[in-house]
Amino acid sequence: MNLLMLGSLLGGVGLFMLGMQLMTDGLKIAAGHTLRNILQKSTRTAIRGLLSGAFITSLVQSSSAITVATIGFVNAGLMNLRQAITITYGSNIGTTMTGWLVALVGFQFHIKVFALPLIGFGMLIRLIKGNSRYGALGLALAGFGVFFIGIDILKDAFAGLGETIDLAELGGGGLIGHAIFIGIGFLLTLAMQSSSAAMAIALTAAAGGIIPLDNAAAVVIGANIGTTSTAALAVIGATPNAKRVAAAHVIFNMATGVIALLILPLLLQLLLSLPGNLHLNISITTLLALFHTIFNLLGVFLMWPFTDKLGAYLKTLFRTAEEDEAHLVYLDNNLVHMPVLAFHALAEELKRLGIIARRMAKGAISSEAGPSRLLESDQRVLLKLEIKIGKFINEVRRGGLPEKLDHALPHALRITSYYREVADVAIRIAQMQQGKPVEDEKLALEISLYKQNVVRLLDATDVGQAEFSLQACNSYFEELEGEYKHLKNLLLKAGTKDELPVTQMVTQIDLMSDIRRIAGQMEKAACYLVSMTTAEVESQELPPEEEAA
């Protein structure tokens, strides 16, 4: 191999990758939100998800781009795991279009006859239309031209190399040799972050006589596996669901690669018999493109029945503390038709919800740096649990309850709404706590004592503790009401005497009012929770219905 051949090889790969990049970027911009809308709206059924994944990937010529986009949708909660898995299946079918472009266009026509005009026409549109969608389409057309120019250079480079280099015996042939070429395909894709580029190299190398059909097919398998590296890199620091999508992509491509390797001799024998059976002159590049398509279709066919099981298994992976806590512990659909047990389990689940709300309230009151990640995580957990508990309550209500329990069931909904409001107010308190602290020592001490007493009340509202006393809880709240009025008067006086800036006075009054609101909501939730656990709803034990001002 001389320097001219090496330069041609590197230049051909570079032009091919540049053309792919221009095509992908241009088509994505030209399509605007269309591709995103297709991904979001065409995944209502598994089949539609598969077809949309295949269609969009074949359009933009990048399975990695579609996989990364899908991960982004899952990360944002716009798509569920099952939808994402079917799109992953489809993208692997769609990426086989690159092989067909190379085989049917790159080797069947005189490339420069149409590639150079495509580049010129595309760039002319780009210059005239600028950064508009039509300009992006022009960029994509130019990318197509560059893509095929790269193929042409690669084809010529490998044709010259075929006379001096023969890699047919690398690894000794057989399974070991195939494994080596799979590794080569994987490393090429990993290095270039493009399975399409590795695929083009395999096809042009086979056409140039550098490697035989079976080893070229092994490179194609390796490239198919190597494309998972992009998805793996894309989910660093992402949500658990996004990591599960990447894992599904890895599992599918690995399983497909193993299947393709196991049946490689049989599949190649079948493909080699096609020209004679069909009385056609089929090139080696076309056979490789067909091989790539067949083993991906076969992979989808074999994996399809296990899609739901794969999704269920992946949900057990990459679990976070947030997801675990958002999982119902006591409630189960089997309890719906056992009212007494259902009611007891509901009370226990509400106690768990109270623990999270209490933790949020304490965290907000003690926070001085704004809402923390833990506070925001707790809010998400609480909201998820509230929805699940609400669904369970509706199921229990449909099943019929004894009169006493039916009368007490609405209290459960009240309790969840109280805890949800605690979560919302806690976030607001944490945000207000970022303001400038009160400099007056006496006033600052009064504020600190008030917060401490609110925390004492929060601890007292824990119905699950052995020493819980509803009377003590009510007593603490009555004391807090007096302390709040006293503190509010102190803040107003400090503001009128110019001892405290008016804006800071208003902020502090709002802050103390929100802290008082949290205390009131937690106290009312405790009262209703006690009435639920005893199922003895006595009017004198219930707090007033109106909200605290």
Protein backbone atom coordinates (compact mmCIF):
# COMPACT_ATOMS: atom_id res chain seq x y z
CA MET A 1 0.00 0.00 0.00
CA ASN A 2 1.53 3.34 -1.05
CA LEU A 3 0.74 6.79 0.31
CA LEU A 4 -1.52 7.61 -2.63
CA MET A 5 -3.71 4.57 -1.91
CA LEU A 6 -3.78 5.36 1.80
CA GLY A 7 -4.72 8.97 1.07
CA SER A 8 -7.47 7.85 -1.29
CA LEU A 9 -8.81 5.46 1.34
CA LEU A 10 -8.85 8.08 4.10
CA GLY A 11 -10.25 10.73 1.78
CA GLY A 12 -13.00 8.41 0.57
CA VAL A 13 -14.03 7.60 4.15
CA GLY A 14 -13.91 11.29 5.05
CA LEU A 15 -16.05 12.35 2.09
CA PHE A 16 -18.51 9.55 2.78
CA MET A 17 -18.89 10.62 6.43
CA LEU A 18 -19.11 14.30 5.44
CA GLY A 19 -21.84 13.47 2.94
CA MET A 20 -23.72 11.44 5.57
CA GLN A 21 -23.48 14.33 8.04
CA LEU A 22 -24.70 16.87 5.49
CA MET A 23 -27.59 14.60 4.46
CA THR A 24 -28.64 13.90 8.03
CA ASP A 25 -28.41 17.52 9.22
CA GLY A 26 -30.04 18.91 6.09
CA LEU A 27 -32.97 16.49 6.12
CA LYS A 28 -33.57 16.97 9.85
CA ILE A 29 -33.72 20.76 9.45
CA ALA A 30 -35.79 20.58 6.26
CA ALA A 31 -38.30 18.29 7.93
CA GLY A 32 -38.63 20.69 10.86
CA HIS A 33 -40.95 19.26 13.52
CA THR A 34 -42.32 16.64 11.09
CA LEU A 35 -39.92 13.91 12.17
CA ARG A 36 -40.58 14.65 15.84
CA ASN A 37 -44.33 14.60 15.26
CA ILE A 38 -44.09 11.28 13.44
CA LEU A 39 -42.06 9.81 16.27
CA GLN A 40 -44.51 11.04 18.88
CA LYS A 41 -47.80 10.36 17.08
CA SER A 42 -46.98 7.22 15.10
CA THR A 43 -46.16 5.02 18.07
CA ARG A 44 -49.64 4.32 19.41
CA THR A 45 -49.30 0.70 18.37
CA ALA A 46 -46.18 -1.46 18.27
CA ILE A 47 -46.42 -1.96 14.51
CA ARG A 48 -46.70 1.77 13.87
CA GLY A 49 -43.70 2.38 16.11
CA LEU A 50 -41.70 -0.17 14.14
CA LEU A 51 -42.69 1.31 10.78
CA SER A 52 -42.12 4.92 11.83
CA GLY A 53 -38.68 4.02 13.22
CA ALA A 54 -37.75 2.29 9.94
CA PHE A 55 -39.16 5.11 7.77
CA ILE A 56 -37.49 8.00 9.59
CA THR A 57 -34.14 6.21 9.85
CA SER A 58 -34.15 5.41 6.13
CA LEU A 59 -35.02 9.06 5.47
CA VAL A 60 -32.29 10.72 7.57
CA GLN A 61 -29.81 7.85 7.07
CA SER A 62 -28.80 7.70 10.73
CA SER A 63 -30.07 5.12 13.20
CA SER A 64 -27.91 6.79 15.87
CA ALA A 65 -29.72 10.12 15.38
CA ILE A 66 -33.12 8.43 15.75
CA THR A 67 -31.99 6.44 18.78
CA VAL A 68 -30.64 9.56 20.48
CA ALA A 69 -33.88 11.45 19.64
CA THR A 70 -35.95 8.58 21.04
CA ILE A 71 -33.87 8.61 24.23
CA GLY A 72 -34.55 12.34 24.49
CA PHE A 73 -38.32 11.80 24.16
CA VAL A 74 -38.28 9.12 26.84
CA ASN A 75 -36.10 11.34 29.02
CA ALA A 76 -38.70 14.11 28.71
CA GLY A 77 -41.59 11.75 29.44
CA LEU A 78 -43.09 12.18 25.93
CA MET A 79 -42.80 8.50 25.08
CA ASN A 80 -43.03 5.31 27.12
CA LEU A 81 -40.52 2.48 27.17
CA ARG A 82 -42.48 0.08 24.96
CA GLN A 83 -42.92 2.70 22.23
CA ALA A 84 -39.20 3.45 22.35
CA ILE A 85 -38.28 -0.25 22.03
CA THR A 86 -40.40 -0.66 18.87
CA ILE A 87 -38.78 2.45 17.35
CA THR A 88 -35.39 0.89 18.14
CA TYR A 89 -36.42 -2.22 16.21
CA GLY A 90 -37.53 -0.08 13.28
CA SER A 91 -34.38 2.05 13.24
CA ASN A 92 -32.26 -1.08 12.80
CA ILE A 93 -34.31 -2.00 9.73
CA GLY A 94 -34.15 1.57 8.40
CA THR A 95 -30.37 1.75 8.68
CA THR A 96 -30.06 -1.06 6.11
CA MET A 97 -31.05 1.51 3.48
CA THR A 98 -27.43 2.77 3.47
CA GLY A 99 -26.24 -0.60 2.20
CA TRP A 100 -28.82 -0.55 -0.58
CA LEU A 101 -27.79 2.97 -1.62
CA VAL A 102 -24.16 1.90 -1.81
CA ALA A 103 -24.94 -1.36 -3.63
CA LEU A 104 -27.59 -0.22 -6.09
CA VAL A 105 -26.43 3.32 -6.83
CA GLY A 106 -22.74 3.45 -5.90
CA PHE A 107 -21.85 0.36 -7.93
CA GLN A 108 -24.42 0.36 -10.71
CA PHE A 109 -24.03 3.86 -12.16
CA HIS A 110 -21.26 6.19 -13.22
CA ILE A 111 -21.34 8.21 -10.02
CA LYS A 112 -19.82 11.48 -11.18
CA VAL A 113 -22.51 11.86 -13.87
CA PHE A 114 -25.14 12.63 -11.21
CA ALA A 115 -23.12 13.22 -7.99
CA LEU A 116 -21.33 16.37 -9.13
CA PRO A 117 -24.52 18.02 -10.48
CA LEU A 118 -26.24 17.14 -7.19
CA ILE A 119 -23.51 18.94 -5.25
CA GLY A 120 -23.69 21.98 -7.53
CA PHE A 121 -27.49 22.15 -7.58
CA GLY A 122 -27.75 21.57 -3.82
CA MET A 123 -25.25 24.28 -2.95
CA LEU A 124 -26.95 26.70 -5.38
CA ILE A 125 -30.23 26.20 -3.47
CA ARG A 126 -28.32 26.63 -0.22
CA LEU A 127 -26.82 29.94 -1.38
CA ILE A 128 -30.14 31.28 -2.66
CA LYS A 129 -32.35 30.12 0.24
CA GLY A 130 -29.81 30.48 3.05
CA ASN A 131 -30.75 28.88 6.37
CA SER A 132 -34.38 28.24 5.44
CA ARG A 133 -35.90 24.78 5.12
CA TYR A 134 -35.30 24.87 1.36
CA GLY A 135 -31.70 25.82 2.03
CA ALA A 136 -31.39 22.83 4.37
CA LEU A 137 -32.85 20.61 1.64
CA GLY A 138 -30.21 21.94 -0.75
CA LEU A 139 -27.57 21.04 1.83
CA ALA A 140 -29.01 17.51 2.00
CA LEU A 141 -28.84 17.20 -1.82
CA ALA A 142 -25.21 18.33 -1.79
CA GLY A 143 -24.63 15.77 0.98
CA PHE A 144 -26.00 13.03 -1.26
CA GLY A 145 -23.53 14.04 -3.95
CA VAL A 146 -20.57 14.11 -1.53
CA PHE A 147 -21.74 10.76 -0.13
CA PHE A 148 -21.51 9.09 -3.55
CA ILE A 149 -18.23 10.81 -4.44
CA GLY A 150 -16.81 9.26 -1.27
CA ILE A 151 -18.16 5.85 -2.33
CA ASP A 152 -16.54 6.26 -5.74
CA ILE A 153 -13.15 7.09 -4.23
CA LEU A 154 -13.43 4.18 -1.77
CA LYS A 155 -14.36 1.84 -4.61
CA ASP A 156 -11.29 2.84 -6.63
CA ALA A 157 -9.00 2.71 -3.60
CA PHE A 158 -10.11 -0.80 -2.62
CA ALA A 159 -9.90 -1.95 -6.25
CA GLY A 160 -6.23 -0.97 -6.25
CA LEU A 161 -5.62 -2.52 -2.83
CA GLY A 162 -7.23 -5.77 -3.95
CA GLU A 163 -4.27 -6.41 -6.26
CA THR A 164 -1.72 -6.19 -3.42
CA ILE A 165 -3.57 -7.16 -0.20
CA ASP A 166 -5.61 -10.25 0.58
CA LEU A 167 -7.22 -10.40 4.03
CA ALA A 168 -9.13 -13.59 3.34
CA GLU A 169 -6.93 -15.68 5.61
CA LEU A 170 -6.92 -13.24 8.55
CA GLY A 171 -7.67 -15.22 11.70
CA GLY A 172 -7.48 -18.54 9.90
CA GLY A 173 -11.07 -18.44 8.62
CA GLY A 174 -14.03 -20.14 10.27
CA LEU A 175 -15.60 -18.92 13.51
CA ILE A 176 -12.39 -17.31 14.81
CA GLY A 177 -11.90 -15.41 11.56
CA HIS A 178 -15.51 -14.26 11.59
CA ALA A 179 -15.13 -13.10 15.20
CA ILE A 180 -12.05 -11.05 14.22
CA PHE A 181 -13.91 -9.35 11.38
CA ILE A 182 -16.89 -8.69 13.67
CA GLY A 183 -14.43 -6.97 15.99
CA ILE A 184 -13.09 -4.93 13.05
CA GLY A 185 -16.63 -3.82 12.16
CA PHE A 186 -17.32 -2.91 15.77
CA LEU A 187 -14.08 -0.90 16.14
CA LEU A 188 -14.64 0.92 12.84
CA THR A 189 -18.11 1.98 13.97
CA LEU A 190 -16.85 2.94 17.42
CA ALA A 191 -14.04 5.05 15.97
CA MET A 192 -16.15 6.79 13.32
CA GLN A 193 -19.44 6.79 15.30
CA SER A 194 -21.15 5.68 12.10
CA SER A 195 -22.25 2.15 11.28
CA SER A 196 -23.08 3.41 7.79
CA ALA A 197 -19.41 4.32 7.20
CA ALA A 198 -18.29 0.90 8.44
CA MET A 199 -20.92 -0.68 6.19
CA ALA A 200 -19.65 1.28 3.18
CA ILE A 201 -16.08 0.18 3.89
CA ALA A 202 -17.19 -3.46 4.13
CA LEU A 203 -19.09 -3.29 0.84
CA THR A 204 -16.37 -1.49 -1.10
CA ALA A 205 -13.66 -3.74 0.36
CA ALA A 206 -15.62 -6.84 -0.67
CA ALA A 207 -16.23 -5.39 -4.14
CA GLY A 208 -12.50 -4.65 -4.47
CA GLY A 209 -11.55 -8.20 -3.58
CA ILE A 210 -9.87 -7.26 -0.28
CA ILE A 211 -12.06 -9.56 1.80
CA PRO A 212 -14.38 -12.42 0.81
CA LEU A 213 -18.15 -12.33 1.22
CA ASP A 214 -18.28 -14.18 4.56
CA ASN A 215 -15.74 -11.88 6.23
CA ALA A 216 -17.43 -8.79 4.78
CA ALA A 217 -20.70 -10.08 6.23
CA ALA A 218 -18.95 -10.43 9.62
CA VAL A 219 -17.82 -6.77 9.38
CA VAL A 220 -21.46 -5.81 8.71
CA ILE A 221 -22.53 -7.71 11.85
CA GLY A 222 -19.84 -5.91 13.87
CA ALA A 223 -20.94 -2.54 12.51
CA ASN A 224 -24.52 -3.34 13.49
CA ILE A 225 -23.38 -4.07 17.05
CA GLY A 226 -21.03 -1.06 17.12
CA THR A 227 -23.87 1.40 16.53
CA THR A 228 -24.97 0.79 20.13
CA SER A 229 -21.98 2.83 21.34
CA THR A 230 -23.71 6.09 20.36
CA ALA A 231 -26.77 5.21 22.43
CA ALA A 232 -24.56 4.22 25.37
CA LEU A 233 -22.76 7.57 25.27
CA ALA A 234 -26.04 9.48 24.91
CA VAL A 235 -27.48 8.22 28.22
CA ILE A 236 -24.61 9.26 30.47
CA GLY A 237 -26.35 11.20 33.24
CA ALA A 238 -29.79 10.57 31.72
CA THR A 239 -32.92 9.28 33.43
CA PRO A 240 -33.40 5.57 34.21
CA ASN A 241 -35.97 5.27 31.39
CA ALA A 242 -33.50 6.67 28.88
CA LYS A 243 -30.89 4.17 30.07
CA ARG A 244 -33.43 1.41 29.57
CA VAL A 245 -33.97 2.49 25.96
CA ALA A 246 -30.22 2.35 25.36
CA ALA A 247 -30.12 -1.07 27.03
CA ALA A 248 -32.92 -2.27 24.75
CA HIS A 249 -30.92 -1.04 21.77
CA VAL A 250 -27.82 -2.91 22.99
CA ILE A 251 -29.78 -6.11 23.76
CA PHE A 252 -31.51 -6.12 20.37
CA ASN A 253 -28.33 -5.48 18.38
CA MET A 254 -26.31 -8.00 20.40
CA ALA A 255 -29.01 -10.66 20.06
CA THR A 256 -29.36 -9.95 16.35
CA GLY A 257 -25.59 -10.11 15.92
CA VAL A 258 -25.36 -13.47 17.72
CA ILE A 259 -28.21 -14.89 15.62
CA ALA A 260 -26.59 -13.63 12.41
CA LEU A 261 -23.23 -15.17 13.37
CA LEU A 262 -24.79 -18.54 14.22
CA ILE A 263 -26.64 -18.81 10.92
CA LEU A 264 -23.98 -17.02 8.84
CA PRO A 265 -22.92 -20.08 6.77
CA LEU A 266 -26.54 -21.08 6.11
CA LEU A 267 -27.58 -17.54 5.24
CA LEU A 268 -24.63 -16.97 2.93
CA GLN A 269 -25.28 -20.29 1.19
CA LEU A 270 -28.87 -19.19 0.62
CA LEU A 271 -27.76 -15.81 -0.72
CA LEU A 272 -25.14 -17.29 -3.02
CA SER A 273 -27.78 -19.57 -4.54
CA LEU A 274 -29.98 -16.61 -5.48
CA PRO A 275 -28.18 -15.54 -8.70
CA GLY A 276 -28.49 -19.04 -10.16
CA ASN A 277 -32.05 -19.60 -8.99
CA LEU A 278 -33.27 -16.22 -10.17
CA HIS A 279 -31.10 -16.21 -13.31
CA LEU A 280 -29.82 -12.77 -12.37
CA ASN A 281 -26.37 -11.24 -12.15
CA ILE A 282 -26.34 -10.14 -8.48
CA SER A 283 -23.22 -8.32 -7.28
CA ILE A 284 -21.43 -9.06 -4.01
CA THR A 285 -22.44 -5.62 -2.67
CA THR A 286 -26.11 -6.37 -3.32
CA LEU A 287 -25.75 -9.72 -1.54
CA LEU A 288 -24.22 -7.95 1.48
CA ALA A 289 -27.01 -5.34 1.55
CA LEU A 290 -29.55 -8.16 1.37
CA PHE A 291 -27.73 -10.01 4.14
CA HIS A 292 -27.84 -6.89 6.35
CA THR A 293 -31.57 -6.48 5.78
CA ILE A 294 -32.42 -10.16 6.28
CA PHE A 295 -30.67 -10.59 9.62
CA ASN A 296 -32.19 -7.37 10.99
CA LEU A 297 -35.66 -8.47 9.89
CA LEU A 298 -35.00 -11.87 11.40
CA GLY A 299 -33.90 -10.20 14.64
CA VAL A 300 -37.17 -8.21 14.81
CA PHE A 301 -39.18 -11.35 14.03
CA LEU A 302 -37.50 -13.30 16.85
CA MET A 303 -37.50 -10.46 19.41
CA TRP A 304 -41.04 -9.22 18.73
CA PRO A 305 -42.87 -11.80 20.92
CA PHE A 306 -40.61 -10.90 23.84
CA THR A 307 -41.02 -7.10 23.62
CA ASP A 308 -43.32 -6.84 26.64
CA LYS A 309 -41.10 -9.16 28.69
CA LEU A 310 -38.04 -7.16 27.65
CA GLY A 311 -39.76 -3.95 28.76
CA ALA A 312 -40.74 -5.52 32.09
CA TYR A 313 -37.19 -6.75 32.64
CA LEU A 314 -35.66 -3.38 31.77
CA LYS A 315 -37.93 -1.68 34.30
CA THR A 316 -36.15 -3.67 37.01
CA LEU A 317 -32.83 -2.15 35.92
CA PHE A 318 -31.35 1.27 36.62
CA ARG A 319 -33.85 1.85 39.39
CA THR A 320 -33.42 4.98 41.48
CA ALA A 321 -34.42 5.64 45.05
CA GLU A 322 -37.06 7.99 43.65
CA GLU A 323 -38.65 5.25 41.53
CA ASP A 324 -38.56 2.78 44.39
CA GLU A 325 -40.24 5.21 46.76
CA ALA A 326 -42.87 6.08 44.14
CA HIS A 327 -43.89 2.42 44.05
CA LEU A 328 -47.00 1.49 46.07
CA VAL A 329 -46.06 -0.63 49.08
CA TYR A 330 -49.40 -1.46 50.69
CA LEU A 331 -51.97 -1.09 47.92
CA ASP A 332 -52.75 -3.89 45.51
CA ASN A 333 -55.63 -4.49 43.11
CA ASN A 334 -56.30 -7.78 44.87
CA LEU A 335 -57.52 -5.74 47.86
CA VAL A 336 -60.21 -3.88 45.90
CA HIS A 337 -62.88 -6.47 46.73
CA MET A 338 -61.84 -6.78 50.39
CA PRO A 339 -63.03 -3.43 51.80
CA VAL A 340 -61.72 -3.71 55.34
CA LEU A 341 -58.25 -4.78 54.23
CA ALA A 342 -58.27 -2.18 51.44
CA PHE A 343 -59.11 0.57 53.91
CA HIS A 344 -56.34 -0.48 56.29
CA ALA A 345 -53.79 -0.65 53.45
CA LEU A 346 -54.94 2.76 52.18
CA ALA A 347 -54.32 4.30 55.59
CA GLU A 348 -50.80 2.79 55.68
CA GLU A 349 -50.02 4.15 52.21
CA LEU A 350 -51.24 7.58 53.26
CA LYS A 351 -48.87 7.46 56.21
CA ARG A 352 -46.04 6.91 53.74
CA LEU A 353 -47.26 9.90 51.76
CA GLY A 354 -47.24 11.92 54.99
CA ILE A 355 -43.61 10.96 55.66
CA ILE A 356 -42.60 12.39 52.27
CA ALA A 357 -44.65 15.57 52.77
CA ARG A 358 -43.18 16.01 56.26
CA ARG A 359 -39.66 15.52 54.91
CA MET A 360 -40.30 18.13 52.22
CA ALA A 361 -41.69 20.62 54.73
CA LYS A 362 -38.67 20.26 57.05
CA GLY A 363 -36.25 20.47 54.12
CA ALA A 364 -37.88 23.65 52.84
CA ILE A 365 -37.93 25.34 56.25
CA SER A 366 -34.23 24.61 56.79
CA SER A 367 -33.19 25.43 53.22
CA GLU A 368 -31.25 28.59 52.46
CA ALA A 369 -30.08 27.78 48.93
CA GLY A 370 -33.35 27.27 47.09
CA PRO A 371 -35.11 24.01 46.18
CA SER A 372 -32.62 21.15 46.39
CA ARG A 373 -32.54 18.13 44.10
CA LEU A 374 -33.85 16.04 46.99
CA LEU A 375 -36.77 18.42 47.50
CA GLU A 376 -37.69 18.31 43.81
CA SER A 377 -37.29 14.52 43.74
CA ASP A 378 -39.59 14.18 46.76
CA GLN A 379 -42.19 16.33 45.02
CA ARG A 380 -42.15 14.06 41.96
CA VAL A 381 -42.49 10.97 44.17
CA LEU A 382 -45.38 12.48 46.10
CA LEU A 383 -47.26 13.45 42.93
CA LYS A 384 -46.81 9.96 41.44
CA LEU A 385 -48.06 8.34 44.65
CA GLU A 386 -51.02 10.70 44.80
CA ILE A 387 -52.12 9.64 41.30
CA LYS A 388 -51.74 5.94 42.11
CA ILE A 389 -53.61 6.28 45.41
CA GLY A 390 -56.40 8.21 43.67
CA LYS A 391 -56.81 5.42 41.12
CA PHE A 392 -56.98 2.83 43.90
CA ILE A 393 -59.62 4.85 45.75
CA ASN A 394 -61.76 4.98 42.60
CA GLU A 395 -61.46 1.21 42.17
CA VAL A 396 -62.46 0.62 45.81
CA ARG A 397 -65.42 2.96 45.45
CA ARG A 398 -66.71 1.01 42.42
CA GLY A 399 -66.47 -2.23 44.37
CA GLY A 400 -68.89 -1.10 47.07
CA LEU A 401 -68.11 -0.39 50.72
CA PRO A 402 -69.93 -0.72 54.04
CA GLU A 403 -71.71 2.54 54.90
CA LYS A 404 -69.26 3.56 57.62
CA LEU A 405 -66.22 3.05 55.41
CA ASP A 406 -67.90 4.62 52.39
CA HIS A 407 -68.54 7.72 54.49
CA ALA A 408 -64.87 7.89 55.52
CA LEU A 409 -63.34 7.19 52.07
CA PRO A 410 -63.51 10.85 50.86
CA HIS A 411 -61.17 11.71 53.75
CA ALA A 412 -58.43 9.84 51.91
CA LEU A 413 -58.76 12.20 48.95
CA ARG A 414 -58.68 15.19 51.30
CA ILE A 415 -55.48 13.88 52.87
CA THR A 416 -53.74 13.46 49.51
CA SER A 417 -54.74 17.00 48.51
CA TYR A 418 -53.36 18.37 51.79
CA TYR A 419 -50.06 16.58 51.26
CA ARG A 420 -49.88 17.76 47.64
CA GLU A 421 -50.35 21.34 48.77
CA VAL A 422 -47.62 20.86 51.39
CA ALA A 423 -45.30 19.76 48.56
CA ASP A 424 -46.19 22.78 46.40
CA VAL A 425 -45.81 25.25 49.25
CA ALA A 426 -42.54 23.62 50.34
CA ILE A 427 -41.00 24.37 46.93
CA ARG A 428 -42.19 27.97 47.19
CA ILE A 429 -40.78 28.31 50.71
CA ALA A 430 -37.39 27.01 49.60
CA GLN A 431 -37.36 29.58 46.79
CA MET A 432 -38.22 32.45 49.19
CA GLN A 433 -35.56 31.33 51.67
CA GLN A 434 -32.89 32.38 49.17
CA GLY A 435 -33.59 36.02 49.97
CA LYS A 436 -31.50 38.22 52.22
CA PRO A 437 -31.73 37.07 55.87
CA VAL A 438 -33.12 39.38 58.55
CA GLU A 439 -30.23 41.24 60.16
CA ASP A 440 -32.04 42.37 63.33
CA GLU A 441 -30.93 39.80 65.92
CA LYS A 442 -34.09 39.91 68.03
CA LEU A 443 -36.36 39.54 65.02
CA ALA A 444 -34.15 36.82 63.53
CA LEU A 445 -34.38 34.91 66.83
CA GLU A 446 -38.19 35.16 66.82
CA ILE A 447 -38.28 33.80 63.25
CA SER A 448 -35.94 30.97 64.18
CA LEU A 449 -38.04 30.00 67.21
CA TYR A 450 -41.20 30.04 65.11
CA LYS A 451 -39.61 27.71 62.57
CA GLN A 452 -38.45 25.38 65.34
CA ASN A 453 -41.96 25.18 66.74
CA VAL A 454 -43.37 24.43 63.28
CA VAL A 455 -40.89 21.58 62.96
CA ARG A 456 -42.04 20.35 66.38
CA LEU A 457 -45.62 20.34 65.09
CA LEU A 458 -44.55 18.49 61.94
CA ASP A 459 -43.01 15.76 64.07
CA ALA A 460 -46.19 15.63 66.15
CA THR A 461 -48.33 15.01 63.02
CA ASP A 462 -46.67 11.64 62.40
CA VAL A 463 -49.65 9.36 62.96
CA GLY A 464 -47.42 6.30 62.59
CA GLN A 465 -45.39 6.96 65.72
CA ALA A 466 -46.30 5.01 68.85
CA GLU A 467 -46.59 8.12 71.04
CA PHE A 468 -48.80 10.03 68.59
CA SER A 469 -51.41 12.19 70.28
CA LEU A 470 -54.08 14.02 68.33
CA GLN A 471 -54.71 16.26 71.31
CA ALA A 472 -51.03 17.28 71.46
CA CYS A 473 -51.05 17.90 67.73
CA ASN A 474 -54.07 20.23 67.99
CA SER A 475 -52.55 21.96 70.99
CA TYR A 476 -49.26 22.67 69.17
CA PHE A 477 -51.16 24.13 66.22
CA GLU A 478 -53.19 26.46 68.45
CA GLU A 479 -49.94 27.70 70.00
CA LEU A 480 -48.48 28.28 66.55
CA GLU A 481 -51.47 30.38 65.55
CA GLY A 482 -50.71 32.77 68.41
CA GLU A 483 -47.00 32.80 67.58
CA TYR A 484 -47.74 33.55 63.94
CA LYS A 485 -49.90 36.56 64.80
CA HIS A 486 -47.25 37.84 67.21
CA LEU A 487 -44.45 37.39 64.63
CA LYS A 488 -46.51 39.05 61.91
CA ASN A 489 -47.05 42.11 64.15
CA LEU A 490 -43.29 42.27 64.88
CA LEU A 491 -42.51 42.22 61.16
CA LEU A 492 -45.08 44.93 60.42
CA LYS A 493 -43.69 47.16 63.19
CA ALA A 494 -40.13 46.61 61.98
CA GLY A 495 -41.23 47.63 58.49
CA THR A 496 -43.10 50.76 59.62
CA LYS A 497 -40.17 51.84 61.85
CA ASP A 498 -37.76 51.38 58.92
CA GLU A 499 -35.89 48.71 60.88
CA LEU A 500 -36.60 46.31 58.02
CA PRO A 501 -36.83 47.18 54.30
CA VAL A 502 -40.44 47.09 53.16
CA THR A 503 -39.76 44.56 50.39
CA GLN A 504 -38.00 42.27 52.88
CA MET A 505 -40.85 42.72 55.35
CA VAL A 506 -43.40 41.65 52.72
CA THR A 507 -41.25 38.65 51.75
CA GLN A 508 -40.84 37.56 55.37
CA ILE A 509 -44.58 37.88 56.08
CA ASP A 510 -45.36 35.80 52.98
CA LEU A 511 -42.74 33.27 54.04
CA MET A 512 -44.12 32.95 57.58
CA SER A 513 -47.65 32.68 56.14
CA ASP A 514 -46.58 29.80 53.89
CA ILE A 515 -44.83 28.06 56.79
CA ARG A 516 -48.01 28.45 58.82
CA ARG A 517 -49.99 27.02 55.88
CA ILE A 518 -47.79 23.94 55.81
CA ALA A 519 -48.36 23.44 59.52
CA GLY A 520 -52.13 23.78 59.06
CA GLN A 521 -52.28 21.33 56.15
CA MET A 522 -50.22 18.73 58.01
CA GLU A 523 -52.36 19.10 61.14
CA LYS A 524 -55.60 18.65 59.19
CA ALA A 525 -54.17 15.66 57.32
CA ALA A 526 -53.27 14.05 60.66
CA CYS A 527 -56.79 14.60 61.99
CA TYR A 528 -58.41 13.03 58.96
CA LEU A 529 -55.93 10.17 58.93
CA VAL A 530 -56.79 9.37 62.54
CA SER A 531 -60.49 9.41 61.69
CA MET A 532 -59.77 7.05 58.80
CA THR A 533 -57.82 4.55 60.87
CA THR A 534 -60.57 4.36 63.45
CA ALA A 535 -63.38 4.73 60.85
CA GLU A 536 -65.23 6.73 63.48
CA VAL A 537 -65.86 10.10 61.92
CA GLU A 538 -67.00 12.32 64.73
CA SER A 539 -67.68 15.92 63.86
CA GLN A 540 -65.93 17.28 66.95
CA GLU A 541 -62.68 15.58 65.91
CA LEU A 542 -62.61 16.95 62.37
CA PRO A 543 -60.86 20.24 61.58
CA PRO A 544 -62.84 23.02 59.93
CA GLU A 545 -63.32 22.63 56.17
CA GLU A 546 -62.18 26.13 55.31
CA GLU A 547 -58.49 26.57 54.47
CA ALA A 548 -56.16 28.56 56.68
CA ALA A 549 -55.81 32.09 55.47
